[in-house]
C-alpha atoms as a PDB file:
ATOM      1  CA  UNK A   1      -0.039  -0.016  -0.246  1.00  0.00           C
ATOM      2  CA  UNK A   2       1.268   3.471  -0.572  1.00  0.00           C
ATOM      3  CA  UNK A   3       1.031   6.094   2.117  1.00  0.00           C
ATOM      4  CA  UNK A   4      -2.084   7.479   0.988  1.00  0.00           C
ATOM      5  CA  UNK A   5      -3.898   4.238   1.058  1.00  0.00           C
ATOM      6  CA  UNK A   6      -2.406   4.110   4.708  1.00  0.00           C
ATOM      7  CA  UNK A   7      -3.711   7.508   5.750  1.00  0.00           C
ATOM      8  CA  UNK A   8      -7.345   6.541   4.331  1.00  0.00           C
ATOM      9  CA  UNK A   9      -7.176   3.599   6.109  1.00  0.00           C
ATOM     10  CA  UNK A  10      -5.939   5.083   9.249  1.00  0.00           C
ATOM     11  CA  UNK A  11      -9.047   7.712   9.184  1.00  0.00           C
ATOM     12  CA  UNK A  12     -11.781   5.062   8.314  1.00  0.00           C
ATOM     13  CA  UNK A  13     -10.794   3.461  11.766  1.00  0.00           C
ATOM     14  CA  UNK A  14     -10.682   6.625  13.780  1.00  0.00           C
ATOM     15  CA  UNK A  15     -14.127   7.212  12.339  1.00  0.00           C
ATOM     16  CA  UNK A  16     -15.706   4.380  12.811  1.00  0.00           C
ATOM     17  CA  UNK A  17     -13.946   3.692  16.088  1.00  0.00           C
ATOM     18  CA  UNK A  18     -13.354   0.054  15.451  1.00  0.00           C
ATOM     19  CA  UNK A  19     -11.374  -2.180  13.172  1.00  0.00           C
ATOM     20  CA  UNK A  20     -14.113  -4.367  12.039  1.00  0.00           C
ATOM     21  CA  UNK A  21     -16.568  -1.561  10.947  1.00  0.00           C
ATOM     22  CA  UNK A  22     -13.663   0.062   9.126  1.00  0.00           C
ATOM     23  CA  UNK A  23     -12.923  -3.157   7.424  1.00  0.00           C
ATOM     24  CA  UNK A  24     -16.652  -3.619   6.654  1.00  0.00           C
ATOM     25  CA  UNK A  25     -16.784  -0.240   4.990  1.00  0.00           C
ATOM     26  CA  UNK A  26     -13.623  -0.860   2.866  1.00  0.00           C
ATOM     27  CA  UNK A  27     -14.489  -4.055   1.827  1.00  0.00           C
ATOM     28  CA  UNK A  28     -11.200  -5.174   3.440  1.00  0.00           C
ATOM     29  CA  UNK A  29     -10.443  -8.061   5.483  1.00  0.00           C
ATOM     30  CA  UNK A  30     -10.113  -6.832   9.178  1.00  0.00           C
ATOM     31  CA  UNK A  31      -6.405  -8.421   9.394  1.00  0.00           C
ATOM     32  CA  UNK A  32      -5.417  -6.407   6.253  1.00  0.00           C
ATOM     33  CA  UNK A  33      -6.832  -2.974   8.420  1.00  0.00           C
ATOM     34  CA  UNK A  34      -4.685  -4.079  11.503  1.00  0.00           C
ATOM     35  CA  UNK A  35      -1.629  -4.808   9.195  1.00  0.00           C
ATOM     36  CA  UNK A  36      -1.780  -1.484   7.400  1.00  0.00           C
ATOM     37  CA  UNK A  37      -2.188   0.537  10.725  1.00  0.00           C
ATOM     38  CA  UNK A  38       1.096  -1.172  12.289  1.00  0.00           C
ATOM     39  CA  UNK A  39       3.014  -0.404   9.128  1.00  0.00           C
ATOM     40  CA  UNK A  40       1.592   3.506   9.226  1.00  0.00           C
ATOM     41  CA  UNK A  41       2.737   3.491  13.023  1.00  0.00           C
ATOM     42  CA  UNK A  42       6.129   1.663  12.174  1.00  0.00           C
ATOM     43  CA  UNK A  43       6.532   4.679   9.370  1.00  0.00           C
ATOM     44  CA  UNK A  44       5.504   7.513  11.783  1.00  0.00           C
ATOM     45  CA  UNK A  45       7.695   6.081  14.294  1.00  0.00           C
ATOM     46  CA  UNK A  46       4.555   6.753  17.156  1.00  0.00           C
ATOM     47  CA  UNK A  47       1.750   5.035  18.378  1.00  0.00           C
ATOM     48  CA  UNK A  48      -1.239   6.368  16.861  1.00  0.00           C
ATOM     49  CA  UNK A  49      -4.360   4.151  18.486  1.00  0.00           C
ATOM     50  CA  UNK A  50      -5.021   2.687  21.618  1.00  0.00           C
ATOM     51  CA  UNK A  51      -7.013  -0.686  21.443  1.00  0.00           C
ATOM     52  CA  UNK A  52      -9.236  -2.462  23.762  1.00  0.00           C
ATOM     53  CA  UNK A  53     -11.068  -5.520  23.073  1.00  0.00           C
ATOM     54  CA  UNK A  54     -14.225  -3.199  22.409  1.00  0.00           C
ATOM     55  CA  UNK A  55     -13.190   0.227  21.360  1.00  0.00           C
ATOM     56  CA  UNK A  56     -10.155   1.821  19.748  1.00  0.00           C
ATOM     57  CA  UNK A  57      -9.233   5.557  20.232  1.00  0.00           C
ATOM     58  CA  UNK A  58      -6.640   7.791  19.135  1.00  0.00           C
ATOM     59  CA  UNK A  59      -3.380   8.624  21.265  1.00  0.00           C
ATOM     60  CA  UNK A  60      -2.496  12.219  21.760  1.00  0.00           C
ATOM     61  CA  UNK A  61      -0.429  11.702  18.645  1.00  0.00           C
ATOM     62  CA  UNK A  62      -3.023   9.902  16.670  1.00  0.00           C
ATOM     63  CA  UNK A  63      -5.400  12.792  17.374  1.00  0.00           C
ATOM     64  CA  UNK A  64      -2.698  15.195  15.736  1.00  0.00           C
ATOM     65  CA  UNK A  65      -1.978  12.936  12.992  1.00  0.00           C
ATOM     66  CA  UNK A  66      -5.732  12.639  12.348  1.00  0.00           C
ATOM     67  CA  UNK A  67      -5.807  16.363  11.569  1.00  0.00           C
ATOM     68  CA  UNK A  68      -2.964  16.210   9.114  1.00  0.00           C
ATOM     69  CA  UNK A  69      -4.109  12.693   7.571  1.00  0.00           C
ATOM     70  CA  UNK A  70      -7.593  14.747   7.242  1.00  0.00           C
ATOM     71  CA  UNK A  71      -5.688  17.479   5.189  1.00  0.00           C
ATOM     72  CA  UNK A  72      -3.683  15.495   3.368  1.00  0.00           C
ATOM     73  CA  UNK A  73      -6.132  13.099   1.933  1.00  0.00           C
ATOM     74  CA  UNK A  74      -8.547  16.023   0.950  1.00  0.00           C
ATOM     75  CA  UNK A  75      -6.135  17.650  -0.824  1.00  0.00           C
ATOM     76  CA  UNK A  76      -5.137  14.635  -2.779  1.00  0.00           C
ATOM     77  CA  UNK A  77      -8.340  13.600  -3.601  1.00  0.00           C
ATOM     78  CA  UNK A  78      -9.069  17.250  -4.696  1.00  0.00           C
ATOM     79  CA  UNK A  79      -5.877  17.095  -7.194  1.00  0.00           C
ATOM     80  CA  UNK A  80      -6.882  13.683  -8.305  1.00  0.00           C
ATOM     81  CA  UNK A  81     -10.372  14.995  -9.654  1.00  0.00           C
ATOM     82  CA  UNK A  82      -9.289  18.261 -10.599  1.00  0.00           C
ATOM     83  CA  UNK A  83      -9.091  17.291 -14.119  1.00  0.00           C
ATOM     84  CA  UNK A  84     -10.794  13.978 -14.801  1.00  0.00           C
ATOM     85  CA  UNK A  85     -13.985  14.478 -12.944  1.00  0.00           C
ATOM     86  CA  UNK A  86     -15.596  15.851 -16.545  1.00  0.00           C
ATOM     87  CA  UNK A  87     -14.042  12.746 -17.977  1.00  0.00           C
ATOM     88  CA  UNK A  88     -13.989   9.840 -15.715  1.00  0.00           C
ATOM     89  CA  UNK A  89     -17.540   8.095 -15.119  1.00  0.00           C
ATOM     90  CA  UNK A  90     -18.237   8.503 -11.456  1.00  0.00           C
ATOM     91  CA  UNK A  91     -17.780   4.897 -10.001  1.00  0.00           C
ATOM     92  CA  UNK A  92     -17.798   2.601  -6.663  1.00  0.00           C
ATOM     93  CA  UNK A  93     -20.607   1.887  -3.847  1.00  0.00           C
ATOM     94  CA  UNK A  94     -22.460   4.685  -2.190  1.00  0.00           C
ATOM     95  CA  UNK A  95     -24.112   4.086   0.924  1.00  0.00           C
ATOM     96  CA  UNK A  96     -27.405   6.245   1.711  1.00  0.00           C
ATOM     97  CA  UNK A  97     -29.997   6.305   4.039  1.00  0.00           C
ATOM     98  CA  UNK A  98     -33.260   8.215   4.218  1.00  0.00           C
ATOM     99  CA  UNK A  99     -36.927   7.979   5.704  1.00  0.00           C
ATOM    100  CA  UNK A 100     -38.631   4.545   5.131  1.00  0.00           C
ATOM    101  CA  UNK A 101     -41.757   6.042   2.857  1.00  0.00           C
ATOM    102  CA  UNK A 102     -39.373   8.465   0.999  1.00  0.00           C
ATOM    103  CA  UNK A 103     -37.136   5.881   0.228  1.00  0.00           C
ATOM    104  CA  UNK A 104     -40.138   3.172  -0.643  1.00  0.00           C
ATOM    105  CA  UNK A 105     -42.185   5.621  -2.805  1.00  0.00           C
ATOM    106  CA  UNK A 106     -40.380   7.876  -4.417  1.00  0.00           C
ATOM    107  CA  UNK A 107     -36.521   6.874  -4.436  1.00  0.00           C
ATOM    108  CA  UNK A 108     -36.570   2.949  -5.162  1.00  0.00           C
ATOM    109  CA  UNK A 109     -39.076   3.194  -8.149  1.00  0.00           C
ATOM    110  CA  UNK A 110     -36.606   5.839  -9.594  1.00  0.00           C
ATOM    111  CA  UNK A 111     -33.454   4.026  -9.191  1.00  0.00           C
ATOM    112  CA  UNK A 112     -33.183   2.448 -12.499  1.00  0.00           C
ATOM    113  CA  UNK A 113     -33.061   5.950 -14.324  1.00  0.00           C
ATOM    114  CA  UNK A 114     -30.415   6.765 -11.871  1.00  0.00           C
ATOM    115  CA  UNK A 115     -28.389   3.349 -12.263  1.00  0.00           C
ATOM    116  CA  UNK A 116     -28.910   3.567 -16.073  1.00  0.00           C
ATOM    117  CA  UNK A 117     -27.229   6.973 -15.865  1.00  0.00           C
ATOM    118  CA  UNK A 118     -24.389   5.903 -13.855  1.00  0.00           C
ATOM    119  CA  UNK A 119     -23.678   2.265 -14.658  1.00  0.00           C
ATOM    120  CA  UNK A 120     -20.572   2.260 -12.327  1.00  0.00           C
ATOM    121  CA  UNK A 121     -22.083   3.127  -9.147  1.00  0.00           C
ATOM    122  CA  UNK A 122     -24.060   0.882  -6.956  1.00  0.00           C
ATOM    123  CA  UNK A 123     -26.345   1.875  -4.087  1.00  0.00           C
ATOM    124  CA  UNK A 124     -26.960   0.529  -0.746  1.00  0.00           C
ATOM    125  CA  UNK A 125     -30.185   2.079   0.158  1.00  0.00           C
ATOM    126  CA  UNK A 126     -30.746   2.230   3.852  1.00  0.00           C
ATOM    127  CA  UNK A 127     -34.802   2.851   4.599  1.00  0.00           C
ATOM    128  CA  UNK A 128     -35.544   3.717   8.500  1.00  0.00           C
ATOM    129  CA  UNK A 129     -37.200   6.615  10.604  1.00  0.00           C
ATOM    130  CA  UNK A 130     -34.750   6.034  13.145  1.00  0.00           C
ATOM    131  CA  UNK A 131     -31.283   8.034  13.259  1.00  0.00           C
ATOM    132  CA  UNK A 132     -27.932   6.655  12.363  1.00  0.00           C
ATOM    133  CA  UNK A 133     -24.445   6.969  12.813  1.00  0.00           C
ATOM    134  CA  UNK A 134     -22.693   7.953   9.390  1.00  0.00           C
ATOM    135  CA  UNK A 135     -19.232   7.291  10.731  1.00  0.00           C
ATOM    136  CA  UNK A 136     -19.741   4.374  12.844  1.00  0.00           C
ATOM    137  CA  UNK A 137     -22.118   2.697  10.019  1.00  0.00           C
ATOM    138  CA  UNK A 138     -19.871   3.628   7.107  1.00  0.00           C
ATOM    139  CA  UNK A 139     -22.695   5.740   5.337  1.00  0.00           C
ATOM    140  CA  UNK A 140     -21.956   8.253   2.623  1.00  0.00           C
ATOM    141  CA  UNK A 141     -24.776  10.574   3.196  1.00  0.00           C
ATOM    142  CA  UNK A 142     -28.340  10.419   4.821  1.00  0.00           C
ATOM    143  CA  UNK A 143     -31.754  12.298   4.274  1.00  0.00           C
ATOM    144  CA  UNK A 144     -33.064  14.147   7.210  1.00  0.00           C
ATOM    145  CA  UNK A 145     -36.265  15.551   7.485  1.00  0.00           C
ATOM    146  CA  UNK A 146     -36.982  17.797  10.427  1.00  0.00           C
ATOM    147  CA  UNK A 147     -34.870  20.106  12.642  1.00  0.00           C
ATOM    148  CA  UNK A 148     -31.287  18.987  12.734  1.00  0.00           C
ATOM    149  CA  UNK A 149     -29.614  18.202  15.994  1.00  0.00           C
ATOM    150  CA  UNK A 150     -26.088  19.692  15.943  1.00  0.00           C
ATOM    151  CA  UNK A 151     -24.114  16.801  14.935  1.00  0.00           C
ATOM    152  CA  UNK A 152     -21.345  18.152  13.264  1.00  0.00           C
ATOM    153  CA  UNK A 153     -21.989  17.168  10.004  1.00  0.00           C
ATOM    154  CA  UNK A 154     -22.228  19.002   6.507  1.00  0.00           C
ATOM    155  CA  UNK A 155     -25.641  19.721   5.155  1.00  0.00           C
ATOM    156  CA  UNK A 156     -27.078  20.493   1.753  1.00  0.00           C
ATOM    157  CA  UNK A 157     -30.435  21.870   2.461  1.00  0.00           C
ATOM    158  CA  UNK A 158     -33.283  20.049  -0.214  1.00  0.00           C
ATOM    159  CA  UNK A 159     -36.054  22.236   0.332  1.00  0.00           C
ATOM    160  CA  UNK A 160     -38.891  22.338   2.649  1.00  0.00           C
ATOM    161  CA  UNK A 161     -41.961  19.830   2.975  1.00  0.00           C
ATOM    162  CA  UNK A 162     -45.714  21.281   3.724  1.00  0.00           C
ATOM    163  CA  UNK A 163     -47.615  19.818   6.502  1.00  0.00           C
ATOM    164  CA  UNK A 164     -51.116  18.849   6.052  1.00  0.00           C
ATOM    165  CA  UNK A 165     -53.777  18.002   8.902  1.00  0.00           C
ATOM    166  CA  UNK A 166     -55.836  14.998   8.055  1.00  0.00           C
ATOM    167  CA  UNK A 167     -58.348  12.406   8.872  1.00  0.00           C
ATOM    168  CA  UNK A 168     -60.553   9.466   7.676  1.00  0.00           C
ATOM    169  CA  UNK A 169     -63.685   9.973   6.910  1.00  0.00           C
ATOM    170  CA  UNK A 170     -64.617   7.228   9.423  1.00  0.00           C
ATOM    171  CA  UNK A 171     -62.853   9.263  12.152  1.00  0.00           C
ATOM    172  CA  UNK A 172     -64.599  12.633  11.271  1.00  0.00           C
ATOM    173  CA  UNK A 173     -68.294  10.824  11.099  1.00  0.00           C
ATOM    174  CA  UNK A 174     -67.796   9.544  14.862  1.00  0.00           C
ATOM    175  CA  UNK A 175     -66.004  12.701  15.812  1.00  0.00           C
ATOM    176  CA  UNK A 176     -66.986  15.590  14.164  1.00  0.00           C
ATOM    177  CA  UNK A 177     -64.846  17.781  11.895  1.00  0.00           C
ATOM    178  CA  UNK A 178     -62.666  20.260  13.746  1.00  0.00           C
ATOM    179  CA  UNK A 179     -63.469  23.913  12.828  1.00  0.00           C
ATOM    180  CA  UNK A 180     -60.384  25.342  14.532  1.00  0.00           C
ATOM    181  CA  UNK A 181     -57.551  24.633  16.931  1.00  0.00           C
ATOM    182  CA  UNK A 182     -59.726  25.432  19.960  1.00  0.00           C
ATOM    183  CA  UNK A 183     -61.993  22.214  18.982  1.00  0.00           C
ATOM    184  CA  UNK A 184     -58.701  19.874  19.589  1.00  0.00           C
ATOM    185  CA  UNK A 185     -59.567  19.403  23.091  1.00  0.00           C
ATOM    186  CA  UNK A 186     -62.740  17.158  21.600  1.00  0.00           C
ATOM    187  CA  UNK A 187     -60.541  15.188  19.486  1.00  0.00           C
ATOM    188  CA  UNK A 188     -58.033  12.296  19.283  1.00  0.00           C
ATOM    189  CA  UNK A 189     -54.580  12.095  17.531  1.00  0.00           C
ATOM    190  CA  UNK A 190     -52.348   9.213  16.511  1.00  0.00           C
ATOM    191  CA  UNK A 191     -49.327   9.841  18.415  1.00  0.00           C
ATOM    192  CA  UNK A 192     -45.804  10.084  16.757  1.00  0.00           C
ATOM    193  CA  UNK A 193     -42.957   9.377  18.880  1.00  0.00           C
ATOM    194  CA  UNK A 194     -39.622  11.063  17.950  1.00  0.00           C
ATOM    195  CA  UNK A 195     -37.086   8.633  16.611  1.00  0.00           C
ATOM    196  CA  UNK A 196     -34.578  11.193  18.016  1.00  0.00           C
ATOM    197  CA  UNK A 197     -35.982  12.056  21.283  1.00  0.00           C
ATOM    198  CA  UNK A 198     -38.615   9.335  21.935  1.00  0.00           C
ATOM    199  CA  UNK A 199     -41.044  12.072  22.936  1.00  0.00           C
ATOM    200  CA  UNK A 200     -44.393  12.089  21.794  1.00  0.00           C
ATOM    201  CA  UNK A 201     -44.941  15.077  19.504  1.00  0.00           C
ATOM    202  CA  UNK A 202     -47.246  17.792  20.175  1.00  0.00           C
ATOM    203  CA  UNK A 203     -50.189  18.931  17.612  1.00  0.00           C
ATOM    204  CA  UNK A 204     -48.633  22.179  16.130  1.00  0.00           C
ATOM    205  CA  UNK A 205     -49.942  25.114  13.899  1.00  0.00           C
ATOM    206  CA  UNK A 206     -49.173  28.805  12.780  1.00  0.00           C
ATOM    207  CA  UNK A 207     -51.458  31.409  14.272  1.00  0.00           C
ATOM    208  CA  UNK A 208     -50.881  35.133  13.603  1.00  0.00           C
ATOM    209  CA  UNK A 209     -47.166  34.497  12.846  1.00  0.00           C
ATOM    210  CA  UNK A 210     -46.907  32.253  16.147  1.00  0.00           C
ATOM    211  CA  UNK A 211     -46.133  28.728  16.453  1.00  0.00           C
ATOM    212  CA  UNK A 212     -48.723  27.147  18.911  1.00  0.00           C
ATOM    213  CA  UNK A 213     -48.873  23.802  20.287  1.00  0.00           C
ATOM    214  CA  UNK A 214     -51.421  21.344  21.975  1.00  0.00           C
ATOM    215  CA  UNK A 215     -50.733  18.012  23.552  1.00  0.00           C
ATOM    216  CA  UNK A 216     -53.489  15.704  22.310  1.00  0.00           C
ATOM    217  CA  UNK A 217     -55.114  12.855  23.591  1.00  0.00           C
ATOM    218  CA  UNK A 218     -54.904   9.936  21.760  1.00  0.00           C
ATOM    219  CA  UNK A 219     -55.005   5.761  22.569  1.00  0.00           C
ATOM    220  CA  UNK A 220     -52.261   4.874  19.930  1.00  0.00           C
ATOM    221  CA  UNK A 221     -48.496   5.959  19.510  1.00  0.00           C
ATOM    222  CA  UNK A 222     -46.165   4.917  16.629  1.00  0.00           C
ATOM    223  CA  UNK A 223     -42.589   5.448  15.789  1.00  0.00           C
ATOM    224  CA  UNK A 224     -42.848   5.273  11.986  1.00  0.00           C
ATOM    225  CA  UNK A 225     -44.581   7.445   9.338  1.00  0.00           C
ATOM    226  CA  UNK A 226     -45.922   4.115   7.605  1.00  0.00           C
ATOM    227  CA  UNK A 227     -47.580   3.309  10.869  1.00  0.00           C
ATOM    228  CA  UNK A 228     -48.742   6.618  11.224  1.00  0.00           C
ATOM    229  CA  UNK A 229     -50.433   7.176   8.059  1.00  0.00           C
ATOM    230  CA  UNK A 230     -52.133   3.123   8.659  1.00  0.00           C
ATOM    231  CA  UNK A 231     -53.514   4.285  12.022  1.00  0.00           C
ATOM    232  CA  UNK A 232     -55.070   7.398  10.759  1.00  0.00           C
ATOM    233  CA  UNK A 233     -56.583   5.438   7.590  1.00  0.00           C
ATOM    234  CA  UNK A 234     -58.120   2.974  10.342  1.00  0.00           C
ATOM    235  CA  UNK A 235     -59.835   5.868  12.021  1.00  0.00           C
ATOM    236  CA  UNK A 236     -57.835   6.186  15.186  1.00  0.00           C
ATOM    237  CA  UNK A 237     -57.265   9.904  14.747  1.00  0.00           C
ATOM    238  CA  UNK A 238     -56.190  13.096  13.536  1.00  0.00           C
ATOM    239  CA  UNK A 239     -52.591  13.394  12.078  1.00  0.00           C
ATOM    240  CA  UNK A 240     -49.826  15.847  10.425  1.00  0.00           C
ATOM    241  CA  UNK A 241     -48.273  14.914   7.658  1.00  0.00           C
ATOM    242  CA  UNK A 242     -46.349  15.748   4.760  1.00  0.00           C
ATOM    243  CA  UNK A 243     -48.358  16.687   1.895  1.00  0.00           C
ATOM    244  CA  UNK A 244     -46.944  14.651  -0.518  1.00  0.00           C
ATOM    245  CA  UNK A 245     -47.140  11.482   1.817  1.00  0.00           C
ATOM    246  CA  UNK A 246     -50.938  11.104   1.426  1.00  0.00           C
ATOM    247  CA  UNK A 247     -51.910  12.458  -2.247  1.00  0.00           C
ATOM    248  CA  UNK A 248     -52.963   9.046  -3.367  1.00  0.00           C
ATOM    249  CA  UNK A 249     -55.626   8.533  -0.128  1.00  0.00           C
ATOM    250  CA  UNK A 250     -56.554  12.247  -0.545  1.00  0.00           C
ATOM    251  CA  UNK A 251     -57.590  11.579  -4.300  1.00  0.00           C
ATOM    252  CA  UNK A 252     -59.015   8.442  -3.106  1.00  0.00           C
ATOM    253  CA  UNK A 253     -61.156  10.037  -0.716  1.00  0.00           C
ATOM    254  CA  UNK A 254     -59.693   7.664   1.723  1.00  0.00           C
ATOM    255  CA  UNK A 255     -58.270  10.533   4.057  1.00  0.00           C
ATOM    256  CA  UNK A 256     -59.614  14.359   3.937  1.00  0.00           C
ATOM    257  CA  UNK A 257     -58.139  17.067   5.096  1.00  0.00           C
ATOM    258  CA  UNK A 258     -59.120  19.401   8.060  1.00  0.00           C
ATOM    259  CA  UNK A 259     -57.984  22.880   9.671  1.00  0.00           C
ATOM    260  CA  UNK A 260     -56.720  23.919   6.173  1.00  0.00           C
ATOM    261  CA  UNK A 261     -55.891  27.389   7.625  1.00  0.00           C
ATOM    262  CA  UNK A 262     -54.154  26.038  10.487  1.00  0.00           C
ATOM    263  CA  UNK A 263     -51.083  24.114   9.333  1.00  0.00           C
ATOM    264  CA  UNK A 264     -47.632  23.566  11.380  1.00  0.00           C
ATOM    265  CA  UNK A 265     -44.652  24.756   9.692  1.00  0.00           C
ATOM    266  CA  UNK A 266     -42.977  23.271   6.882  1.00  0.00           C
ATOM    267  CA  UNK A 267     -40.514  20.728   7.973  1.00  0.00           C
ATOM    268  CA  UNK A 268     -36.504  21.204   6.158  1.00  0.00           C
ATOM    269  CA  UNK A 269     -35.381  18.568   4.329  1.00  0.00           C
ATOM    270  CA  UNK A 270     -31.635  18.263   4.249  1.00  0.00           C
ATOM    271  CA  UNK A 271     -29.159  15.711   2.557  1.00  0.00           C
ATOM    272  CA  UNK A 272     -26.183  15.283   5.353  1.00  0.00           C
ATOM    273  CA  UNK A 273     -22.551  14.143   4.916  1.00  0.00           C
ATOM    274  CA  UNK A 274     -19.450  14.096   6.890  1.00  0.00           C
ATOM    275  CA  UNK A 275     -16.518  16.321   5.598  1.00  0.00           C
ATOM    276  CA  UNK A 276     -15.554  17.526   2.120  1.00  0.00           C
ATOM    277  CA  UNK A 277     -13.385  14.313   1.702  1.00  0.00           C
ATOM    278  CA  UNK A 278     -16.311  12.208   1.837  1.00  0.00           C
ATOM    279  CA  UNK A 279     -17.902  14.440  -1.027  1.00  0.00           C
ATOM    280  CA  UNK A 280     -16.750  12.024  -3.812  1.00  0.00           C
ATOM    281  CA  UNK A 281     -17.837  12.617  -7.348  1.00  0.00           C
ATOM    282  CA  UNK A 282     -20.420   9.916  -7.090  1.00  0.00           C
ATOM    283  CA  UNK A 283     -22.085  11.523  -4.014  1.00  0.00           C
ATOM    284  CA  UNK A 284     -22.257  14.708  -5.945  1.00  0.00           C
ATOM    285  CA  UNK A 285     -24.012  13.429  -8.618  1.00  0.00           C
ATOM    286  CA  UNK A 286     -26.600  11.054  -6.457  1.00  0.00           C
ATOM    287  CA  UNK A 287     -27.070  14.227  -4.526  1.00  0.00           C
ATOM    288  CA  UNK A 288     -28.023  16.168  -7.504  1.00  0.00           C
ATOM    289  CA  UNK A 289     -30.166  13.660  -8.880  1.00  0.00           C
ATOM    290  CA  UNK A 290     -31.712  12.999  -5.636  1.00  0.00           C
ATOM    291  CA  UNK A 291     -32.600  16.840  -5.372  1.00  0.00           C
ATOM    292  CA  UNK A 292     -34.318  16.681  -8.620  1.00  0.00           C
ATOM    293  CA  UNK A 293     -36.199  13.706  -7.892  1.00  0.00           C
ATOM    294  CA  UNK A 294     -37.706  15.227  -4.634  1.00  0.00           C
ATOM    295  CA  UNK A 295     -38.537  18.452  -6.221  1.00  0.00           C
ATOM    296  CA  UNK A 296     -42.540  17.413  -6.972  1.00  0.00           C
ATOM    297  CA  UNK A 297     -42.539  16.577  -3.106  1.00  0.00           C
ATOM    298  CA  UNK A 298     -41.596  19.958  -1.712  1.00  0.00           C
ATOM    299  CA  UNK A 299     -44.451  21.344  -4.298  1.00  0.00           C
ATOM    300  CA  UNK A 300     -47.112  19.762  -2.973  1.00  0.00           C
ATOM    301  CA  UNK A 301     -49.807  22.172  -1.266  1.00  0.00           C
ATOM    302  CA  UNK A 302     -53.187  21.703   0.239  1.00  0.00           C
ATOM    303  CA  UNK A 303     -55.907  19.262  -1.567  1.00  0.00           C
ATOM    304  CA  UNK A 304     -52.972  17.572  -3.465  1.00  0.00           C
ATOM    305  CA  UNK A 305     -52.743  20.369  -5.992  1.00  0.00           C
ATOM    306  CA  UNK A 306     -49.237  21.656  -7.296  1.00  0.00           C
ATOM    307  CA  UNK A 307     -47.875  25.049  -5.620  1.00  0.00           C
END
């Protein structure tokens, strides 16, 4: 291995905190990763990592060396792509993660188009509403919906999703149609437990430029968008949901919009990745493709009409 390859392996081990995870994301045997680190430590004449049976951490020398490696690898990758980026086809495996319904309903059906455009890129698509760790799980980018945690990641804003308040006809026949937010105390909502905090989110709406919230009564709480919509369709309560997510049931009459003048604030949609050294050519073309693909979702407004 040349020095840059050794530097890349060292960075991946530090980022993932594990020889095994680093080996998995690099598609290398664990023994090769361990040998590379030993060779690097021998070359630089310092111990860079502290190893236990469960964790790998940097020594003081390792922390200083990490920052130097980060700059060197970034500069080398930028130099390598300076002249060939427009000539060489992007290639390699791209690991991405996104919310379940966006992945299943929007991205997966459109992937044949992306793979046809870029035949040398393979996609590993994770779909979950739960948070993932880009570093530990070796993920190149993740699509997030909602306010961002202070994670130190770099974000590319995709846009904002309009939210709607909806209920099923069977629920409205039983409990009536709320006319204003003041009627919410007489209604039930399907609770949604945040994947990040575990707390059940309150009902929200904007009124006179001010964000208002109210805890809602309810008999069912879920932790995924899929289950949230399914419970709403079953007549178990009101929900707040991105407009794109319920276009078909709205058009079919299986769901009905309520409180159209009291919507929650739009939810930001952001594509997150680690450091600019991780923003490879293949990630660049995927990000551009994904943003274009999601654009129609950002244009959905009330009653399923384009903005």
